[in-house]
N, C-alpha and C. Protein backbone atom coordinates (compact mmCIF):
# COMPACT_ATOMS: atom_id res chain seq x y z
N UNK A 1 -10.23 12.81 -21.01
CA UNK A 1 -11.23 12.16 -21.84
C UNK A 1 -12.61 12.43 -21.24
N UNK A 2 -13.53 12.86 -22.07
CA UNK A 2 -14.87 13.17 -21.60
C UNK A 2 -15.71 11.91 -21.51
N UNK A 3 -16.57 11.92 -20.49
CA UNK A 3 -17.51 10.81 -20.36
C UNK A 3 -18.62 10.96 -21.39
N UNK A 4 -18.95 9.88 -22.00
CA UNK A 4 -20.07 9.87 -22.94
C UNK A 4 -21.37 9.80 -22.14
N UNK A 5 -22.30 10.62 -22.49
CA UNK A 5 -23.61 10.54 -21.86
C UNK A 5 -24.45 9.52 -22.62
N UNK A 6 -25.02 8.65 -21.88
CA UNK A 6 -25.92 7.67 -22.50
C UNK A 6 -27.31 7.88 -21.94
N UNK A 7 -28.24 7.74 -22.79
CA UNK A 7 -29.64 7.85 -22.37
C UNK A 7 -30.20 6.46 -22.18
N UNK A 8 -30.85 6.30 -21.07
CA UNK A 8 -31.52 5.03 -20.83
C UNK A 8 -33.01 5.23 -21.08
N UNK A 9 -33.59 4.25 -21.65
CA UNK A 9 -35.02 4.34 -21.94
C UNK A 9 -35.80 4.28 -20.63
N UNK A 10 -36.66 5.25 -20.45
CA UNK A 10 -37.52 5.27 -19.28
C UNK A 10 -38.85 4.64 -19.69
N UNK A 11 -39.21 3.58 -19.01
CA UNK A 11 -40.43 2.87 -19.35
C UNK A 11 -41.54 3.34 -18.42
N UNK A 12 -42.58 3.87 -19.01
CA UNK A 12 -43.75 4.27 -18.26
C UNK A 12 -44.50 3.00 -17.86
N UNK A 13 -44.70 2.76 -16.56
CA UNK A 13 -45.37 1.52 -16.13
C UNK A 13 -46.76 1.34 -16.75
N UNK A 14 -47.50 2.46 -16.91
CA UNK A 14 -48.84 2.34 -17.50
C UNK A 14 -48.76 1.88 -18.94
N UNK A 15 -47.79 2.39 -19.69
CA UNK A 15 -47.62 1.98 -21.08
C UNK A 15 -47.20 0.52 -21.17
N UNK A 16 -46.31 0.11 -20.28
CA UNK A 16 -45.87 -1.29 -20.26
C UNK A 16 -47.05 -2.20 -19.94
N UNK A 17 -47.89 -1.80 -18.97
CA UNK A 17 -49.06 -2.60 -18.62
C UNK A 17 -50.03 -2.70 -19.79
N UNK A 18 -50.29 -1.56 -20.45
CA UNK A 18 -51.21 -1.58 -21.60
C UNK A 18 -50.65 -2.46 -22.72
N UNK A 19 -49.35 -2.40 -22.93
CA UNK A 19 -48.73 -3.24 -23.95
C UNK A 19 -48.87 -4.71 -23.63
N UNK A 20 -48.68 -5.05 -22.36
CA UNK A 20 -48.83 -6.45 -21.95
C UNK A 20 -50.27 -6.91 -22.09
N UNK A 21 -51.20 -6.04 -21.69
CA UNK A 21 -52.62 -6.38 -21.81
C UNK A 21 -52.99 -6.59 -23.27
N UNK A 22 -52.54 -5.70 -24.13
CA UNK A 22 -52.85 -5.81 -25.56
C UNK A 22 -52.27 -7.10 -26.13
N UNK A 23 -51.06 -7.43 -25.74
CA UNK A 23 -50.43 -8.65 -26.24
C UNK A 23 -51.15 -9.90 -25.78
N UNK A 24 -51.48 -9.95 -24.50
CA UNK A 24 -52.19 -11.12 -23.96
C UNK A 24 -53.56 -11.27 -24.61
N UNK A 25 -54.31 -10.17 -24.69
CA UNK A 25 -55.65 -10.25 -25.28
C UNK A 25 -55.58 -10.66 -26.75
N UNK A 26 -54.68 -10.04 -27.51
CA UNK A 26 -54.54 -10.39 -28.94
C UNK A 26 -54.18 -11.86 -29.11
N UNK A 27 -53.29 -12.36 -28.26
CA UNK A 27 -52.87 -13.75 -28.34
C UNK A 27 -54.03 -14.70 -28.05
N UNK A 28 -54.79 -14.39 -27.00
CA UNK A 28 -55.91 -15.26 -26.65
C UNK A 28 -57.03 -15.18 -27.69
N UNK A 29 -57.23 -14.01 -28.28
CA UNK A 29 -58.23 -13.91 -29.35
C UNK A 29 -57.79 -14.70 -30.58
N UNK A 30 -56.51 -14.66 -30.88
CA UNK A 30 -55.98 -15.40 -32.02
C UNK A 30 -56.18 -16.90 -31.83
N UNK A 31 -55.97 -17.37 -30.60
CA UNK A 31 -56.08 -18.81 -30.32
C UNK A 31 -57.51 -19.26 -30.03
N UNK A 32 -58.43 -18.31 -29.86
CA UNK A 32 -59.81 -18.64 -29.52
C UNK A 32 -60.39 -19.60 -30.53
N UNK A 33 -61.05 -20.67 -30.16
CA UNK A 33 -61.64 -20.99 -28.87
C UNK A 33 -60.75 -21.82 -27.93
N UNK A 34 -59.48 -21.99 -28.27
CA UNK A 34 -58.59 -22.72 -27.36
C UNK A 34 -58.50 -21.98 -26.02
N UNK A 35 -58.33 -22.74 -24.96
CA UNK A 35 -58.19 -22.15 -23.63
C UNK A 35 -56.78 -22.41 -23.13
N UNK A 36 -56.14 -21.37 -22.61
CA UNK A 36 -54.81 -21.50 -22.03
C UNK A 36 -54.89 -21.23 -20.53
N UNK A 37 -54.06 -21.93 -19.78
CA UNK A 37 -53.93 -21.61 -18.37
C UNK A 37 -53.08 -20.35 -18.26
N UNK A 38 -53.18 -19.68 -17.13
CA UNK A 38 -52.35 -18.51 -16.90
C UNK A 38 -50.88 -18.91 -16.95
N UNK A 39 -50.56 -20.08 -16.44
CA UNK A 39 -49.18 -20.58 -16.48
C UNK A 39 -48.69 -20.72 -17.93
N UNK A 40 -49.55 -21.22 -18.81
CA UNK A 40 -49.17 -21.34 -20.22
C UNK A 40 -48.96 -19.97 -20.86
N UNK A 41 -49.80 -19.01 -20.49
CA UNK A 41 -49.66 -17.65 -21.01
C UNK A 41 -48.33 -17.06 -20.55
N UNK A 42 -48.01 -17.27 -19.29
CA UNK A 42 -46.72 -16.78 -18.76
C UNK A 42 -45.57 -17.40 -19.55
N UNK A 43 -45.62 -18.70 -19.77
CA UNK A 43 -44.53 -19.37 -20.50
C UNK A 43 -44.40 -18.85 -21.92
N UNK A 44 -45.51 -18.46 -22.54
CA UNK A 44 -45.45 -17.96 -23.91
C UNK A 44 -44.93 -16.54 -24.00
N UNK A 45 -45.12 -15.74 -22.95
CA UNK A 45 -44.73 -14.34 -22.99
C UNK A 45 -43.42 -14.03 -22.29
N UNK A 46 -43.06 -14.79 -21.30
CA UNK A 46 -41.87 -14.48 -20.51
C UNK A 46 -40.65 -15.20 -21.08
N UNK A 47 -39.55 -14.47 -21.22
CA UNK A 47 -38.31 -15.12 -21.64
C UNK A 47 -37.85 -16.11 -20.59
N UNK A 48 -38.05 -15.75 -19.31
CA UNK A 48 -37.72 -16.61 -18.18
C UNK A 48 -38.95 -16.69 -17.28
N UNK A 49 -39.77 -17.72 -17.43
CA UNK A 49 -41.01 -17.81 -16.65
C UNK A 49 -40.80 -17.83 -15.14
N UNK A 50 -39.59 -18.12 -14.69
CA UNK A 50 -39.31 -18.12 -13.26
C UNK A 50 -38.92 -16.74 -12.75
N UNK A 51 -38.70 -15.79 -13.66
CA UNK A 51 -38.35 -14.43 -13.27
C UNK A 51 -39.61 -13.73 -12.74
N UNK A 52 -39.54 -13.24 -11.49
CA UNK A 52 -40.72 -12.67 -10.85
C UNK A 52 -41.29 -11.52 -11.67
N UNK A 53 -40.45 -10.60 -12.12
CA UNK A 53 -40.93 -9.41 -12.81
C UNK A 53 -41.68 -9.76 -14.10
N UNK A 54 -41.13 -10.70 -14.86
CA UNK A 54 -41.79 -11.11 -16.11
C UNK A 54 -43.10 -11.82 -15.83
N UNK A 55 -43.09 -12.73 -14.88
CA UNK A 55 -44.30 -13.47 -14.50
C UNK A 55 -45.37 -12.50 -13.99
N UNK A 56 -44.95 -11.57 -13.14
CA UNK A 56 -45.88 -10.60 -12.56
C UNK A 56 -46.51 -9.73 -13.64
N UNK A 57 -45.74 -9.33 -14.63
CA UNK A 57 -46.25 -8.50 -15.72
C UNK A 57 -47.40 -9.20 -16.45
N UNK A 58 -47.21 -10.47 -16.75
CA UNK A 58 -48.24 -11.24 -17.47
C UNK A 58 -49.44 -11.49 -16.57
N UNK A 59 -49.20 -11.86 -15.32
CA UNK A 59 -50.32 -12.13 -14.40
C UNK A 59 -51.13 -10.85 -14.15
N UNK A 60 -50.45 -9.70 -14.04
CA UNK A 60 -51.17 -8.44 -13.87
C UNK A 60 -52.00 -8.12 -15.11
N UNK A 61 -51.46 -8.41 -16.28
CA UNK A 61 -52.21 -8.16 -17.52
C UNK A 61 -53.49 -8.98 -17.53
N UNK A 62 -53.39 -10.25 -17.16
CA UNK A 62 -54.58 -11.11 -17.12
C UNK A 62 -55.58 -10.57 -16.10
N UNK A 63 -55.11 -10.24 -14.91
CA UNK A 63 -56.01 -9.73 -13.87
C UNK A 63 -56.68 -8.42 -14.30
N UNK A 64 -55.92 -7.53 -14.92
CA UNK A 64 -56.49 -6.25 -15.36
C UNK A 64 -57.54 -6.47 -16.45
N UNK A 65 -57.29 -7.41 -17.37
CA UNK A 65 -58.25 -7.70 -18.43
C UNK A 65 -59.52 -8.34 -17.86
N UNK A 66 -59.37 -9.15 -16.83
CA UNK A 66 -60.55 -9.74 -16.17
C UNK A 66 -61.37 -8.63 -15.53
N UNK A 67 -60.70 -7.71 -14.81
CA UNK A 67 -61.43 -6.61 -14.17
C UNK A 67 -62.11 -5.71 -15.20
N UNK A 68 -61.52 -5.58 -16.38
CA UNK A 68 -62.12 -4.75 -17.43
C UNK A 68 -63.24 -5.48 -18.16
N UNK A 69 -63.42 -6.77 -17.90
CA UNK A 69 -64.49 -7.52 -18.55
C UNK A 69 -64.11 -8.06 -19.92
N UNK A 70 -62.82 -8.05 -20.25
CA UNK A 70 -62.38 -8.53 -21.56
C UNK A 70 -61.92 -9.98 -21.54
N UNK A 71 -61.61 -10.49 -20.35
CA UNK A 71 -61.27 -11.90 -20.17
C UNK A 71 -62.12 -12.47 -19.05
N UNK A 72 -62.28 -13.78 -19.08
CA UNK A 72 -62.91 -14.51 -17.98
C UNK A 72 -61.90 -15.52 -17.46
N UNK A 73 -61.95 -15.75 -16.17
CA UNK A 73 -61.14 -16.81 -15.57
C UNK A 73 -62.07 -17.97 -15.28
N UNK A 74 -61.66 -19.14 -15.70
CA UNK A 74 -62.39 -20.37 -15.41
C UNK A 74 -61.40 -21.28 -14.71
N UNK A 75 -61.33 -21.16 -13.39
CA UNK A 75 -60.30 -21.88 -12.65
C UNK A 75 -58.95 -21.32 -13.02
N UNK A 76 -58.06 -22.18 -13.51
CA UNK A 76 -56.73 -21.70 -13.89
C UNK A 76 -56.66 -21.26 -15.35
N UNK A 77 -57.77 -21.33 -16.06
CA UNK A 77 -57.82 -20.94 -17.47
C UNK A 77 -58.25 -19.48 -17.63
N UNK A 78 -57.77 -18.85 -18.68
CA UNK A 78 -58.19 -17.50 -19.04
C UNK A 78 -58.69 -17.55 -20.48
N UNK A 79 -59.90 -17.01 -20.69
CA UNK A 79 -60.50 -17.02 -22.02
C UNK A 79 -61.06 -15.64 -22.33
N UNK A 80 -61.06 -15.26 -23.60
CA UNK A 80 -61.63 -13.96 -23.95
C UNK A 80 -63.14 -13.93 -23.68
N UNK A 81 -63.61 -12.80 -23.18
CA UNK A 81 -65.04 -12.61 -22.96
C UNK A 81 -65.73 -12.40 -24.30
N UNK A 82 -67.02 -12.69 -24.37
CA UNK A 82 -67.77 -12.57 -25.61
C UNK A 82 -67.66 -11.19 -26.25
N UNK A 83 -67.75 -10.08 -25.50
CA UNK A 83 -67.62 -8.78 -26.16
C UNK A 83 -66.27 -8.59 -26.86
N UNK A 84 -65.20 -9.12 -26.27
CA UNK A 84 -63.89 -9.02 -26.90
C UNK A 84 -63.85 -9.85 -28.18
N UNK A 85 -64.44 -11.04 -28.13
CA UNK A 85 -64.47 -11.92 -29.31
C UNK A 85 -65.28 -11.27 -30.43
N UNK A 86 -66.44 -10.71 -30.08
CA UNK A 86 -67.29 -10.07 -31.09
C UNK A 86 -66.59 -8.86 -31.70
N UNK A 87 -65.98 -8.03 -30.86
CA UNK A 87 -65.27 -6.85 -31.35
C UNK A 87 -64.14 -7.26 -32.28
N UNK A 88 -63.41 -8.30 -31.90
CA UNK A 88 -62.30 -8.79 -32.72
C UNK A 88 -62.81 -9.26 -34.08
N UNK A 89 -64.01 -9.81 -34.12
CA UNK A 89 -64.56 -10.32 -35.37
C UNK A 89 -65.15 -9.26 -36.29
N UNK A 90 -65.24 -8.02 -35.82
CA UNK A 90 -65.85 -6.97 -36.65
C UNK A 90 -64.97 -6.52 -37.80
N UNK A 91 -63.65 -6.70 -37.66
CA UNK A 91 -62.71 -6.30 -38.70
C UNK A 91 -62.96 -4.87 -39.15
N UNK A 92 -62.85 -3.94 -38.23
CA UNK A 92 -63.16 -2.55 -38.51
C UNK A 92 -62.13 -1.87 -39.41
N UNK A 93 -60.92 -2.36 -39.38
CA UNK A 93 -59.88 -1.77 -40.23
C UNK A 93 -59.71 -0.29 -39.99
N UNK A 94 -59.76 0.51 -41.06
CA UNK A 94 -59.53 1.95 -40.98
C UNK A 94 -60.76 2.72 -40.50
N UNK A 95 -61.87 2.07 -40.29
CA UNK A 95 -63.08 2.79 -39.89
C UNK A 95 -63.07 3.24 -38.45
N UNK A 96 -62.15 2.74 -37.66
CA UNK A 96 -62.10 3.11 -36.24
C UNK A 96 -61.41 4.44 -36.09
């Protein structure tokens, strides 16, 4: 009997990070002007908030967005920066 070859999906870490960043930013823009703590963001995105890998993915997304100037940290809260809010409000649609 021949072994079946199975392909496993290879996840590019950069793509996974960009996906997490996009998800976190979109979620915070949707909820704006509400403010969420990083812990609340983790709970909303992670299937198991106690799982290190899932928690780390969300926390890295927040940190990367802060470094890019798209989020601000106010203590334990994360909020979208004004440029992100303004860009989100432009509704560019197909013009981009």
